[in-house]
Amino acid sequence: MLVRQFPDGFLWGASTASYQVEGAWNEDGKGESVWDRFTHTPGRVENGDTGDVACDHYHRMPLDVALMKQLGFKGYRLSIAWTRILPQGTGAVNPKGLDFYDRLLDELGKAGIAANVTLNHWDLPQALQDRGGWPNRDCASWFADYARVVFDRFGDRVSMWATHNEPIVPSLVGYGSGAFAP
């Protein structure tokens, strides 16, 4: 029988996106994302489903991390909601948004679970989409400013970073066909 082994350092874990799990779509100063707008537009999503509550990770996070630990996860790939950090995409930072991710990263650390953070998982702030979104060349600078805030605050607890999750999807299925949020 052929036995395969994973390499040393391989991390077993889980992966989520903020919009898909957090819920609390308009709580504690979070701004509107393109997915909030998209799913709240009648006829865009089957059954009118939204991420308004999702898995309620925003409120259940300590229990969720405890479950990850119980399952033996060593890694957790999550995304940070840009709109929870910078509700308008630029400008004023939302302290309650920073606090949520501080608590999450601290819980993961206590549980011995490595955080792998994605900065953008298809949830551009709607305020930036209203200014042209990703096709606006200024969006690269807005993203860099957001990333700087996140790195400065969480860099001491995050060793693995990703910039964008599957950028081809919002490009082709969002901006291209309109089947997803841009």
C-alpha atoms as a PDB file:
ATOM      1  CA  MET A   1       0.000   0.000   0.000  1.00  0.00           C
ATOM      2  CA  LEU A   2       1.277   3.440  -0.928  1.00  0.00           C
ATOM      3  CA  VAL A   3       1.455   5.777   2.054  1.00  0.00           C
ATOM      4  CA  ARG A   4       1.740   9.474   1.398  1.00  0.00           C
ATOM      5  CA  GLN A   5       3.037  11.888   3.971  1.00  0.00           C
ATOM      6  CA  PHE A   6       2.535  15.591   4.118  1.00  0.00           C
ATOM      7  CA  PRO A   7       5.722  17.628   4.395  1.00  0.00           C
ATOM      8  CA  ASP A   8       6.981  18.902   7.729  1.00  0.00           C
ATOM      9  CA  GLY A   9       5.290  22.164   8.617  1.00  0.00           C
ATOM     10  CA  PHE A  10       2.102  21.402   6.654  1.00  0.00           C
ATOM     11  CA  LEU A  11      -0.794  23.192   8.361  1.00  0.00           C
ATOM     12  CA  TRP A  12      -4.158  21.484   8.642  1.00  0.00           C
ATOM     13  CA  GLY A  13      -6.936  23.970   9.150  1.00  0.00           C
ATOM     14  CA  ALA A  14      -9.856  25.833   7.712  1.00  0.00           C
ATOM     15  CA  SER A  15     -10.431  28.756   5.398  1.00  0.00           C
ATOM     16  CA  THR A  16     -13.166  31.385   5.377  1.00  0.00           C
ATOM     17  CA  ALA A  17     -14.002  34.809   3.986  1.00  0.00           C
ATOM     18  CA  SER A  18     -15.237  37.612   6.212  1.00  0.00           C
ATOM     19  CA  TYR A  19     -18.431  38.166   4.214  1.00  0.00           C
ATOM     20  CA  GLN A  20     -19.222  34.451   4.221  1.00  0.00           C
ATOM     21  CA  VAL A  21     -18.934  33.939   7.990  1.00  0.00           C
ATOM     22  CA  GLU A  22     -18.937  37.119  10.060  1.00  0.00           C
ATOM     23  CA  GLY A  23     -22.457  38.489   9.718  1.00  0.00           C
ATOM     24  CA  ALA A  24     -22.943  41.697  11.736  1.00  0.00           C
ATOM     25  CA  TRP A  25     -23.055  43.438   8.369  1.00  0.00           C
ATOM     26  CA  ASN A  26     -23.960  46.846   9.764  1.00  0.00           C
ATOM     27  CA  GLU A  27     -22.812  46.648  13.391  1.00  0.00           C
ATOM     28  CA  ASP A  28     -20.127  48.507  15.306  1.00  0.00           C
ATOM     29  CA  GLY A  29     -19.373  51.009  12.562  1.00  0.00           C
ATOM     30  CA  LYS A  30     -18.820  48.579   9.664  1.00  0.00           C
ATOM     31  CA  GLY A  31     -19.387  50.160   6.268  1.00  0.00           C
ATOM     32  CA  GLU A  32     -21.246  48.718   3.299  1.00  0.00           C
ATOM     33  CA  SER A  33     -19.334  46.401   0.967  1.00  0.00           C
ATOM     34  CA  VAL A  34     -20.066  45.612  -2.671  1.00  0.00           C
ATOM     35  CA  TRP A  35     -21.496  42.269  -1.520  1.00  0.00           C
ATOM     36  CA  ASP A  36     -23.810  43.967   0.971  1.00  0.00           C
ATOM     37  CA  ARG A  37     -25.170  46.159  -1.835  1.00  0.00           C
ATOM     38  CA  PHE A  38     -25.324  43.280  -4.319  1.00  0.00           C
ATOM     39  CA  THR A  39     -27.204  40.881  -2.044  1.00  0.00           C
ATOM     40  CA  HIS A  40     -29.596  43.583  -0.862  1.00  0.00           C
ATOM     41  CA  THR A  41     -30.592  44.347  -4.456  1.00  0.00           C
ATOM     42  CA  PRO A  42     -33.809  42.416  -5.200  1.00  0.00           C
ATOM     43  CA  GLY A  43     -33.412  39.703  -7.811  1.00  0.00           C
ATOM     44  CA  ARG A  44     -29.610  39.461  -7.619  1.00  0.00           C
ATOM     45  CA  VAL A  45     -29.369  36.403  -5.347  1.00  0.00           C
ATOM     46  CA  GLU A  46     -31.623  33.346  -5.236  1.00  0.00           C
ATOM     47  CA  ASN A  47     -34.094  33.441  -2.328  1.00  0.00           C
ATOM     48  CA  GLY A  48     -32.865  36.935  -1.434  1.00  0.00           C
ATOM     49  CA  ASP A  49     -30.069  35.397   0.657  1.00  0.00           C
ATOM     50  CA  THR A  50     -27.514  37.762   2.197  1.00  0.00           C
ATOM     51  CA  GLY A  51     -24.495  37.613   4.474  1.00  0.00           C
ATOM     52  CA  ASP A  52     -26.231  39.781   7.063  1.00  0.00           C
ATOM     53  CA  VAL A  53     -25.985  37.043   9.709  1.00  0.00           C
ATOM     54  CA  ALA A  54     -24.017  34.318   7.867  1.00  0.00           C
ATOM     55  CA  CYS A  55     -22.446  32.010  10.499  1.00  0.00           C
ATOM     56  CA  ASP A  56     -22.522  34.853  13.042  1.00  0.00           C
ATOM     57  CA  HIS A  57     -18.770  34.504  13.539  1.00  0.00           C
ATOM     58  CA  TYR A  58     -18.622  38.140  14.665  1.00  0.00           C
ATOM     59  CA  HIS A  59     -20.583  37.215  17.804  1.00  0.00           C
ATOM     60  CA  ARG A  60     -19.597  33.539  18.111  1.00  0.00           C
ATOM     61  CA  MET A  61     -15.883  33.879  17.392  1.00  0.00           C
ATOM     62  CA  PRO A  62     -14.520  32.510  20.717  1.00  0.00           C
ATOM     63  CA  LEU A  63     -16.693  29.406  20.342  1.00  0.00           C
ATOM     64  CA  ASP A  64     -15.645  29.019  16.705  1.00  0.00           C
ATOM     65  CA  VAL A  65     -11.950  29.181  17.612  1.00  0.00           C
ATOM     66  CA  ALA A  66     -12.487  26.698  20.456  1.00  0.00           C
ATOM     67  CA  LEU A  67     -14.087  24.334  17.934  1.00  0.00           C
ATOM     68  CA  MET A  68     -11.113  24.757  15.589  1.00  0.00           C
ATOM     69  CA  LYS A  69      -8.772  23.874  18.444  1.00  0.00           C
ATOM     70  CA  GLN A  70     -10.884  20.862  19.398  1.00  0.00           C
ATOM     71  CA  LEU A  71     -10.709  19.657  15.789  1.00  0.00           C
ATOM     72  CA  GLY A  72      -6.919  19.944  15.876  1.00  0.00           C
ATOM     73  CA  PHE A  73      -6.557  22.767  13.353  1.00  0.00           C
ATOM     74  CA  LYS A  74      -3.109  24.319  13.180  1.00  0.00           C
ATOM     75  CA  GLY A  75      -3.967  27.047  10.665  1.00  0.00           C
ATOM     76  CA  TYR A  76      -6.844  29.349   9.858  1.00  0.00           C
ATOM     77  CA  ARG A  77      -7.003  31.340   6.638  1.00  0.00           C
ATOM     78  CA  LEU A  78      -9.338  34.264   7.164  1.00  0.00           C
ATOM     79  CA  SER A  79     -10.001  37.517   5.444  1.00  0.00           C
ATOM     80  CA  ILE A  80     -10.325  40.917   7.026  1.00  0.00           C
ATOM     81  CA  ALA A  81     -13.335  42.967   6.004  1.00  0.00           C
ATOM     82  CA  TRP A  82     -11.907  46.213   4.611  1.00  0.00           C
ATOM     83  CA  THR A  83     -15.214  47.892   5.532  1.00  0.00           C
ATOM     84  CA  ARG A  84     -14.892  46.817   9.157  1.00  0.00           C
ATOM     85  CA  ILE A  85     -11.498  48.582   9.341  1.00  0.00           C
ATOM     86  CA  LEU A  86     -12.147  51.596   7.066  1.00  0.00           C
ATOM     87  CA  PRO A  87     -15.941  51.907   6.729  1.00  0.00           C
ATOM     88  CA  GLN A  88     -15.681  54.309   3.783  1.00  0.00           C
ATOM     89  CA  GLY A  89     -12.672  52.524   2.292  1.00  0.00           C
ATOM     90  CA  THR A  90     -10.380  55.452   3.122  1.00  0.00           C
ATOM     91  CA  GLY A  91     -10.152  57.980   5.919  1.00  0.00           C
ATOM     92  CA  ALA A  92     -11.256  57.296   9.476  1.00  0.00           C
ATOM     93  CA  VAL A  93     -10.289  53.958  11.006  1.00  0.00           C
ATOM     94  CA  ASN A  94     -12.992  52.082  12.913  1.00  0.00           C
ATOM     95  CA  PRO A  95     -11.619  51.153  16.374  1.00  0.00           C
ATOM     96  CA  LYS A  96     -14.331  48.529  16.939  1.00  0.00           C
ATOM     97  CA  GLY A  97     -13.361  46.796  13.720  1.00  0.00           C
ATOM     98  CA  LEU A  98      -9.718  46.694  14.772  1.00  0.00           C
ATOM     99  CA  ASP A  99     -10.786  45.394  18.181  1.00  0.00           C
ATOM    100  CA  PHE A 100     -12.701  42.471  16.646  1.00  0.00           C
ATOM    101  CA  TYR A 101      -9.680  41.282  14.697  1.00  0.00           C
ATOM    102  CA  ASP A 102      -7.426  41.860  17.725  1.00  0.00           C
ATOM    103  CA  ARG A 103      -9.667  39.524  19.728  1.00  0.00           C
ATOM    104  CA  LEU A 104      -9.768  36.966  16.903  1.00  0.00           C
ATOM    105  CA  LEU A 105      -5.996  36.917  16.433  1.00  0.00           C
ATOM    106  CA  ASP A 106      -5.451  36.706  20.194  1.00  0.00           C
ATOM    107  CA  GLU A 107      -7.882  33.766  20.459  1.00  0.00           C
ATOM    108  CA  LEU A 108      -6.125  31.994  17.607  1.00  0.00           C
ATOM    109  CA  GLY A 109      -2.755  32.568  19.274  1.00  0.00           C
ATOM    110  CA  LYS A 110      -3.983  31.154  22.600  1.00  0.00           C
ATOM    111  CA  ALA A 111      -5.337  28.113  20.732  1.00  0.00           C
ATOM    112  CA  GLY A 112      -2.020  27.538  18.927  1.00  0.00           C
ATOM    113  CA  ILE A 113      -3.608  28.209  15.529  1.00  0.00           C
ATOM    114  CA  ALA A 114      -1.564  30.147  12.973  1.00  0.00           C
ATOM    115  CA  ALA A 115      -3.404  33.003  11.248  1.00  0.00           C
ATOM    116  CA  ASN A 116      -3.101  33.287   7.470  1.00  0.00           C
ATOM    117  CA  VAL A 117      -4.761  36.587   6.561  1.00  0.00           C
ATOM    118  CA  THR A 118      -6.152  37.622   3.194  1.00  0.00           C
ATOM    119  CA  LEU A 119      -6.575  41.373   2.864  1.00  0.00           C
ATOM    120  CA  ASN A 120      -9.277  41.322   0.192  1.00  0.00           C
ATOM    121  CA  HIS A 121     -11.684  38.475  -0.451  1.00  0.00           C
ATOM    122  CA  TRP A 122     -14.028  40.089  -2.987  1.00  0.00           C
ATOM    123  CA  ASP A 123     -15.479  42.644  -0.531  1.00  0.00           C
ATOM    124  CA  LEU A 124     -14.435  46.063  -1.785  1.00  0.00           C
ATOM    125  CA  PRO A 125     -16.036  48.920   0.172  1.00  0.00           C
ATOM    126  CA  GLN A 126     -19.127  50.140  -1.678  1.00  0.00           C
ATOM    127  CA  ALA A 127     -17.961  53.734  -1.119  1.00  0.00           C
ATOM    128  CA  LEU A 128     -14.908  52.958  -3.275  1.00  0.00           C
ATOM    129  CA  GLN A 129     -17.001  51.161  -5.887  1.00  0.00           C
ATOM    130  CA  ASP A 130     -19.081  54.348  -6.081  1.00  0.00           C
ATOM    131  CA  ARG A 131     -15.810  56.136  -6.952  1.00  0.00           C
ATOM    132  CA  GLY A 132     -15.045  53.717  -9.786  1.00  0.00           C
ATOM    133  CA  GLY A 133     -13.896  50.621  -7.871  1.00  0.00           C
ATOM    134  CA  TRP A 134     -10.926  48.573  -9.031  1.00  0.00           C
ATOM    135  CA  PRO A 135     -10.923  50.095 -12.553  1.00  0.00           C
ATOM    136  CA  ASN A 136     -10.107  53.446 -10.919  1.00  0.00           C
ATOM    137  CA  ARG A 137      -6.300  53.552 -10.740  1.00  0.00           C
ATOM    138  CA  ASP A 138      -6.544  55.292  -7.342  1.00  0.00           C
ATOM    139  CA  CYS A 139      -7.924  52.043  -5.919  1.00  0.00           C
ATOM    140  CA  ALA A 140      -4.380  50.619  -5.746  1.00  0.00           C
ATOM    141  CA  SER A 141      -3.390  53.481  -3.427  1.00  0.00           C
ATOM    142  CA  TRP A 142      -6.553  53.093  -1.360  1.00  0.00           C
ATOM    143  CA  PHE A 143      -5.736  49.384  -0.985  1.00  0.00           C
ATOM    144  CA  ALA A 144      -2.144  50.171   0.019  1.00  0.00           C
ATOM    145  CA  ASP A 145      -3.390  52.581   2.706  1.00  0.00           C
ATOM    146  CA  TYR A 146      -5.786  49.934   4.049  1.00  0.00           C
ATOM    147  CA  ALA A 147      -3.029  47.287   3.998  1.00  0.00           C
ATOM    148  CA  ARG A 148      -0.721  49.616   5.933  1.00  0.00           C
ATOM    149  CA  VAL A 149      -3.332  50.041   8.694  1.00  0.00           C
ATOM    150  CA  VAL A 150      -3.810  46.271   8.894  1.00  0.00           C
ATOM    151  CA  PHE A 151      -0.076  45.432   8.822  1.00  0.00           C
ATOM    152  CA  ASP A 152       0.706  48.030  11.491  1.00  0.00           C
ATOM    153  CA  ARG A 153      -2.008  46.729  13.805  1.00  0.00           C
ATOM    154  CA  PHE A 154      -1.821  42.966  13.282  1.00  0.00           C
ATOM    155  CA  GLY A 155       1.641  42.302  11.859  1.00  0.00           C
ATOM    156  CA  ASP A 156       2.960  41.110  15.221  1.00  0.00           C
ATOM    157  CA  ARG A 157       0.493  38.178  15.171  1.00  0.00           C
ATOM    158  CA  VAL A 158       0.247  37.309  11.491  1.00  0.00           C
ATOM    159  CA  SER A 159       3.110  35.600   9.679  1.00  0.00           C
ATOM    160  CA  MET A 160       1.259  34.598   6.495  1.00  0.00           C
ATOM    161  CA  TRP A 161      -0.418  37.208   4.292  1.00  0.00           C
ATOM    162  CA  ALA A 162      -2.238  37.157   0.972  1.00  0.00           C
ATOM    163  CA  THR A 163      -3.277  40.287  -0.878  1.00  0.00           C
ATOM    164  CA  HIS A 164      -6.286  39.197  -2.951  1.00  0.00           C
ATOM    165  CA  ASN A 165      -8.302  35.998  -3.082  1.00  0.00           C
ATOM    166  CA  GLU A 166      -8.814  34.814  -6.662  1.00  0.00           C
ATOM    167  CA  PRO A 167      -8.748  38.242  -8.345  1.00  0.00           C
ATOM    168  CA  ILE A 168      -9.968  36.705 -11.592  1.00  0.00           C
ATOM    169  CA  VAL A 169     -13.393  36.006 -10.042  1.00  0.00           C
ATOM    170  CA  PRO A 170     -14.492  39.603  -9.346  1.00  0.00           C
ATOM    171  CA  SER A 171     -12.772  40.616 -12.584  1.00  0.00           C
ATOM    172  CA  LEU A 172     -14.637  38.205 -14.848  1.00  0.00           C
ATOM    173  CA  VAL A 173     -17.744  37.241 -12.883  1.00  0.00           C
ATOM    174  CA  GLY A 174     -18.183  40.600 -11.138  1.00  0.00           C
ATOM    175  CA  TYR A 175     -17.095  43.350 -13.498  1.00  0.00           C
ATOM    176  CA  GLY A 176     -17.299  41.150 -16.605  1.00  0.00           C
ATOM    177  CA  SER A 177     -20.637  39.339 -16.465  1.00  0.00           C
ATOM    178  CA  GLY A 178     -22.258  40.987 -13.436  1.00  0.00           C
ATOM    179  CA  ALA A 179     -23.240  37.629 -11.934  1.00  0.00           C
ATOM    180  CA  PHE A 180     -21.260  38.519  -8.761  1.00  0.00           C
ATOM    181  CA  ALA A 181     -20.624  41.784  -6.997  1.00  0.00           C
ATOM    182  CA  PRO A 182     -17.862  43.800  -8.711  1.00  0.00           C
END
